[in-house]
């Protein structure tokens, strides 16, 4: 399935994913987050989707698995050290850095990595598509099956939260 076909059927796939996620998750916001995550995962394999029926079945399975994963993560009490989700943001240290500045850079990186991991899943997904994959708001909207205005709102909200936390940290 090519990108245009995927974008055209993404609203239908999102509805399917949301329906399946709601069967497992009590909160509508969590189901919406699960549907967004499912759409992101479907986008990653859109080239291998054979037809609309195959895409619909896969949307259901992926949404179910994402919802189950969300339930499992709630049971865990520790924060994982997974750096894959945030390594796109902080990829290089400053050139010509002293050992002290390198240590400071690493501490800042860990602090920011933790704050990004604490963002709601949808905000993290939109930031990933925007910052890592360099997608436009229109492309993100098509991939996730949401409106272009929603993409801008979610992205703005995530950036505002991070900026506020950075400002609070720098006051100390």
C-alpha atoms as a PDB file:
ATOM      1  CA  UNK A   1       0.000   0.000   0.000  1.00  0.00           C
ATOM      2  CA  UNK A   2       1.439   3.353  -0.932  1.00  0.00           C
ATOM      3  CA  UNK A   3       1.412   6.510   1.187  1.00  0.00           C
ATOM      4  CA  UNK A   4      -1.606   8.063  -0.525  1.00  0.00           C
ATOM      5  CA  UNK A   5      -3.734   4.939  -0.052  1.00  0.00           C
ATOM      6  CA  UNK A   6      -2.705   4.759   3.594  1.00  0.00           C
ATOM      7  CA  UNK A   7      -3.511   8.421   4.179  1.00  0.00           C
ATOM      8  CA  UNK A   8      -6.923   8.005   2.571  1.00  0.00           C
ATOM      9  CA  UNK A   9      -7.899   5.089   4.738  1.00  0.00           C
ATOM     10  CA  UNK A  10      -6.200   6.255   7.954  1.00  0.00           C
ATOM     11  CA  UNK A  11      -9.432   7.711   9.459  1.00  0.00           C
ATOM     12  CA  UNK A  12     -11.120   4.313   9.045  1.00  0.00           C
ATOM     13  CA  UNK A  13      -8.113   2.500  10.479  1.00  0.00           C
ATOM     14  CA  UNK A  14      -8.029   4.905  13.411  1.00  0.00           C
ATOM     15  CA  UNK A  15     -11.714   4.206  14.168  1.00  0.00           C
ATOM     16  CA  UNK A  16     -11.036   0.470  14.118  1.00  0.00           C
ATOM     17  CA  UNK A  17      -7.998   0.895  16.375  1.00  0.00           C
ATOM     18  CA  UNK A  18      -9.933   3.105  18.793  1.00  0.00           C
ATOM     19  CA  UNK A  19     -12.778   0.604  18.985  1.00  0.00           C
ATOM     20  CA  UNK A  20     -10.463  -2.237  19.882  1.00  0.00           C
ATOM     21  CA  UNK A  21      -8.481  -0.144  22.356  1.00  0.00           C
ATOM     22  CA  UNK A  22     -11.698   0.888  24.135  1.00  0.00           C
ATOM     23  CA  UNK A  23     -12.468  -2.777  24.789  1.00  0.00           C
ATOM     24  CA  UNK A  24      -9.390  -2.966  26.989  1.00  0.00           C
ATOM     25  CA  UNK A  25      -8.935   0.539  28.345  1.00  0.00           C
ATOM     26  CA  UNK A  26     -11.533   2.258  30.524  1.00  0.00           C
ATOM     27  CA  UNK A  27     -10.351   5.804  29.865  1.00  0.00           C
ATOM     28  CA  UNK A  28     -11.253   7.309  26.481  1.00  0.00           C
ATOM     29  CA  UNK A  29      -8.024   9.323  26.452  1.00  0.00           C
ATOM     30  CA  UNK A  30      -5.991   6.155  26.939  1.00  0.00           C
ATOM     31  CA  UNK A  31      -7.894   4.483  24.102  1.00  0.00           C
ATOM     32  CA  UNK A  32      -7.169   7.495  21.924  1.00  0.00           C
ATOM     33  CA  UNK A  33      -3.473   7.309  22.819  1.00  0.00           C
ATOM     34  CA  UNK A  34      -3.462   3.595  22.015  1.00  0.00           C
ATOM     35  CA  UNK A  35      -5.116   4.286  18.656  1.00  0.00           C
ATOM     36  CA  UNK A  36      -2.484   6.930  17.875  1.00  0.00           C
ATOM     37  CA  UNK A  37       0.280   4.510  18.764  1.00  0.00           C
ATOM     38  CA  UNK A  38      -1.329   1.820  16.615  1.00  0.00           C
ATOM     39  CA  UNK A  39      -1.528   4.238  13.683  1.00  0.00           C
ATOM     40  CA  UNK A  40       2.134   5.095  14.095  1.00  0.00           C
ATOM     41  CA  UNK A  41       3.038   1.415  14.047  1.00  0.00           C
ATOM     42  CA  UNK A  42       0.851   0.816  11.005  1.00  0.00           C
ATOM     43  CA  UNK A  43       2.559   3.708   9.264  1.00  0.00           C
ATOM     44  CA  UNK A  44       5.890   2.023   9.868  1.00  0.00           C
ATOM     45  CA  UNK A  45       4.713  -1.023   7.881  1.00  0.00           C
ATOM     46  CA  UNK A  46       2.358   0.647   5.401  1.00  0.00           C
ATOM     47  CA  UNK A  47       4.468  -0.514   2.454  1.00  0.00           C
ATOM     48  CA  UNK A  48       3.807  -4.146   3.334  1.00  0.00           C
ATOM     49  CA  UNK A  49       0.022  -3.828   3.692  1.00  0.00           C
ATOM     50  CA  UNK A  50      -1.646  -5.771   0.882  1.00  0.00           C
ATOM     51  CA  UNK A  51      -5.124  -4.270   0.827  1.00  0.00           C
ATOM     52  CA  UNK A  52      -7.729  -2.507   2.966  1.00  0.00           C
ATOM     53  CA  UNK A  53      -8.928  -5.722   4.595  1.00  0.00           C
ATOM     54  CA  UNK A  54      -5.375  -6.635   5.591  1.00  0.00           C
ATOM     55  CA  UNK A  55      -4.821  -3.126   6.973  1.00  0.00           C
ATOM     56  CA  UNK A  56      -8.080  -3.265   8.970  1.00  0.00           C
ATOM     57  CA  UNK A  57      -7.209  -6.636  10.513  1.00  0.00           C
ATOM     58  CA  UNK A  58      -3.736  -5.441  11.389  1.00  0.00           C
ATOM     59  CA  UNK A  59      -5.126  -2.222  12.917  1.00  0.00           C
ATOM     60  CA  UNK A  60      -7.314  -4.300  15.222  1.00  0.00           C
ATOM     61  CA  UNK A  61      -4.472  -6.582  16.305  1.00  0.00           C
ATOM     62  CA  UNK A  62      -1.993  -3.755  16.820  1.00  0.00           C
ATOM     63  CA  UNK A  63      -4.488  -1.660  18.816  1.00  0.00           C
ATOM     64  CA  UNK A  64      -5.288  -4.660  21.012  1.00  0.00           C
ATOM     65  CA  UNK A  65      -1.604  -5.295  21.672  1.00  0.00           C
ATOM     66  CA  UNK A  66      -0.872  -1.628  22.363  1.00  0.00           C
ATOM     67  CA  UNK A  67      -3.752  -1.484  24.849  1.00  0.00           C
ATOM     68  CA  UNK A  68      -2.483  -4.604  26.620  1.00  0.00           C
ATOM     69  CA  UNK A  69       1.021  -3.121  26.739  1.00  0.00           C
ATOM     70  CA  UNK A  70      -0.375   0.062  28.289  1.00  0.00           C
ATOM     71  CA  UNK A  71      -2.108  -1.990  30.972  1.00  0.00           C
ATOM     72  CA  UNK A  72       1.086  -3.909  31.683  1.00  0.00           C
ATOM     73  CA  UNK A  73       3.150  -0.725  31.933  1.00  0.00           C
ATOM     74  CA  UNK A  74       0.774   0.668  34.530  1.00  0.00           C
ATOM     75  CA  UNK A  75       1.659  -2.223  36.797  1.00  0.00           C
ATOM     76  CA  UNK A  76       5.358  -1.441  36.647  1.00  0.00           C
ATOM     77  CA  UNK A  77       6.628   0.955  39.248  1.00  0.00           C
ATOM     78  CA  UNK A  78      10.064   1.788  37.873  1.00  0.00           C
ATOM     79  CA  UNK A  79      10.890   3.979  34.926  1.00  0.00           C
ATOM     80  CA  UNK A  80      12.769   2.144  32.202  1.00  0.00           C
ATOM     81  CA  UNK A  81      16.108   3.429  30.987  1.00  0.00           C
ATOM     82  CA  UNK A  82      15.071   3.049  27.359  1.00  0.00           C
ATOM     83  CA  UNK A  83      16.905   5.704  25.395  1.00  0.00           C
ATOM     84  CA  UNK A  84      15.511   4.796  21.978  1.00  0.00           C
ATOM     85  CA  UNK A  85      12.548   7.142  22.271  1.00  0.00           C
ATOM     86  CA  UNK A  86      14.516  10.254  23.083  1.00  0.00           C
ATOM     87  CA  UNK A  87      17.909   9.740  21.475  1.00  0.00           C
ATOM     88  CA  UNK A  88      16.659  11.631  18.427  1.00  0.00           C
ATOM     89  CA  UNK A  89      16.534  14.834  20.433  1.00  0.00           C
ATOM     90  CA  UNK A  90      19.993  14.877  21.968  1.00  0.00           C
ATOM     91  CA  UNK A  91      22.443  13.331  19.549  1.00  0.00           C
ATOM     92  CA  UNK A  92      25.694  15.224  19.989  1.00  0.00           C
ATOM     93  CA  UNK A  93      27.742  16.809  22.670  1.00  0.00           C
ATOM     94  CA  UNK A  94      29.144  20.268  22.064  1.00  0.00           C
ATOM     95  CA  UNK A  95      32.493  20.351  20.253  1.00  0.00           C
ATOM     96  CA  UNK A  96      35.645  21.085  22.238  1.00  0.00           C
ATOM     97  CA  UNK A  97      33.960  20.409  25.565  1.00  0.00           C
ATOM     98  CA  UNK A  98      35.865  20.163  28.826  1.00  0.00           C
ATOM     99  CA  UNK A  99      35.303  17.146  31.091  1.00  0.00           C
ATOM    100  CA  UNK A 100      33.147  19.314  33.361  1.00  0.00           C
ATOM    101  CA  UNK A 101      30.981  20.530  30.499  1.00  0.00           C
ATOM    102  CA  UNK A 102      30.683  16.978  29.147  1.00  0.00           C
ATOM    103  CA  UNK A 103      29.453  15.801  32.538  1.00  0.00           C
ATOM    104  CA  UNK A 104      27.011  18.703  32.690  1.00  0.00           C
ATOM    105  CA  UNK A 105      25.808  17.863  29.168  1.00  0.00           C
ATOM    106  CA  UNK A 106      25.168  14.230  30.161  1.00  0.00           C
ATOM    107  CA  UNK A 107      23.226  15.305  33.250  1.00  0.00           C
ATOM    108  CA  UNK A 108      21.141  17.712  31.181  1.00  0.00           C
ATOM    109  CA  UNK A 109      20.543  14.987  28.621  1.00  0.00           C
ATOM    110  CA  UNK A 110      19.360  12.522  31.278  1.00  0.00           C
ATOM    111  CA  UNK A 111      17.118  15.130  32.841  1.00  0.00           C
ATOM    112  CA  UNK A 112      15.520  16.051  29.512  1.00  0.00           C
ATOM    113  CA  UNK A 113      15.217  12.404  28.459  1.00  0.00           C
ATOM    114  CA  UNK A 114      13.232  11.689  31.619  1.00  0.00           C
ATOM    115  CA  UNK A 115      10.937  14.692  31.021  1.00  0.00           C
ATOM    116  CA  UNK A 116      10.267  13.619  27.440  1.00  0.00           C
ATOM    117  CA  UNK A 117       9.474  10.065  28.545  1.00  0.00           C
ATOM    118  CA  UNK A 118       6.926  11.508  30.977  1.00  0.00           C
ATOM    119  CA  UNK A 119       4.980  13.219  28.185  1.00  0.00           C
ATOM    120  CA  UNK A 120       1.653  11.637  27.243  1.00  0.00           C
ATOM    121  CA  UNK A 121       2.056   9.039  24.467  1.00  0.00           C
ATOM    122  CA  UNK A 122       0.319  11.118  21.805  1.00  0.00           C
ATOM    123  CA  UNK A 123       2.554  14.130  22.442  1.00  0.00           C
ATOM    124  CA  UNK A 124       5.613  11.918  22.307  1.00  0.00           C
ATOM    125  CA  UNK A 125       4.451  10.356  19.011  1.00  0.00           C
ATOM    126  CA  UNK A 126       3.793  13.691  17.372  1.00  0.00           C
ATOM    127  CA  UNK A 127       7.156  15.038  18.536  1.00  0.00           C
ATOM    128  CA  UNK A 128       8.881  11.933  17.164  1.00  0.00           C
ATOM    129  CA  UNK A 129       7.243  12.273  13.765  1.00  0.00           C
ATOM    130  CA  UNK A 130       8.000  15.983  13.637  1.00  0.00           C
ATOM    131  CA  UNK A 131      11.536  16.041  15.050  1.00  0.00           C
ATOM    132  CA  UNK A 132      12.941  12.671  13.993  1.00  0.00           C
ATOM    133  CA  UNK A 133      11.155  11.895  10.765  1.00  0.00           C
ATOM    134  CA  UNK A 134      10.862  15.578   9.820  1.00  0.00           C
ATOM    135  CA  UNK A 135       7.205  15.160   8.822  1.00  0.00           C
ATOM    136  CA  UNK A 136       4.928  18.104   8.165  1.00  0.00           C
ATOM    137  CA  UNK A 137       1.763  18.666  10.177  1.00  0.00           C
ATOM    138  CA  UNK A 138      -0.272  17.480   7.183  1.00  0.00           C
ATOM    139  CA  UNK A 139       1.719  14.253   6.955  1.00  0.00           C
ATOM    140  CA  UNK A 140       1.457  13.630  10.698  1.00  0.00           C
ATOM    141  CA  UNK A 141      -2.292  14.246  10.564  1.00  0.00           C
ATOM    142  CA  UNK A 142      -2.659  11.748   7.731  1.00  0.00           C
ATOM    143  CA  UNK A 143      -0.531   9.126   9.465  1.00  0.00           C
ATOM    144  CA  UNK A 144      -2.287   9.386  12.830  1.00  0.00           C
ATOM    145  CA  UNK A 145      -5.739   9.989  11.386  1.00  0.00           C
ATOM    146  CA  UNK A 146      -6.283  13.278  13.205  1.00  0.00           C
ATOM    147  CA  UNK A 147      -6.794  16.834  11.978  1.00  0.00           C
ATOM    148  CA  UNK A 148      -3.920  19.129  11.062  1.00  0.00           C
ATOM    149  CA  UNK A 149      -5.023  21.553  13.773  1.00  0.00           C
ATOM    150  CA  UNK A 150      -4.882  18.753  16.353  1.00  0.00           C
ATOM    151  CA  UNK A 151      -1.303  18.008  15.347  1.00  0.00           C
ATOM    152  CA  UNK A 152      -0.320  21.632  15.865  1.00  0.00           C
ATOM    153  CA  UNK A 153      -2.099  21.717  19.227  1.00  0.00           C
ATOM    154  CA  UNK A 154      -0.490  18.499  20.473  1.00  0.00           C
ATOM    155  CA  UNK A 155       2.956  19.574  19.317  1.00  0.00           C
ATOM    156  CA  UNK A 156       2.558  22.992  20.899  1.00  0.00           C
ATOM    157  CA  UNK A 157       1.384  21.462  24.163  1.00  0.00           C
ATOM    158  CA  UNK A 158       4.380  19.113  24.340  1.00  0.00           C
ATOM    159  CA  UNK A 159       6.841  21.870  23.581  1.00  0.00           C
ATOM    160  CA  UNK A 160       5.203  24.214  26.081  1.00  0.00           C
ATOM    161  CA  UNK A 161       5.404  21.578  28.841  1.00  0.00           C
ATOM    162  CA  UNK A 162       9.065  20.905  28.158  1.00  0.00           C
ATOM    163  CA  UNK A 163       9.918  24.602  27.950  1.00  0.00           C
ATOM    164  CA  UNK A 164       8.149  25.276  31.254  1.00  0.00           C
ATOM    165  CA  UNK A 165      10.098  22.484  32.938  1.00  0.00           C
ATOM    166  CA  UNK A 166      13.361  23.777  31.498  1.00  0.00           C
ATOM    167  CA  UNK A 167      12.617  27.289  32.772  1.00  0.00           C
ATOM    168  CA  UNK A 168      11.782  25.932  36.243  1.00  0.00           C
ATOM    169  CA  UNK A 169      14.988  23.897  36.289  1.00  0.00           C
ATOM    170  CA  UNK A 170      17.125  26.871  35.304  1.00  0.00           C
ATOM    171  CA  UNK A 171      15.706  29.047  38.112  1.00  0.00           C
ATOM    172  CA  UNK A 172      17.424  26.901  40.704  1.00  0.00           C
END
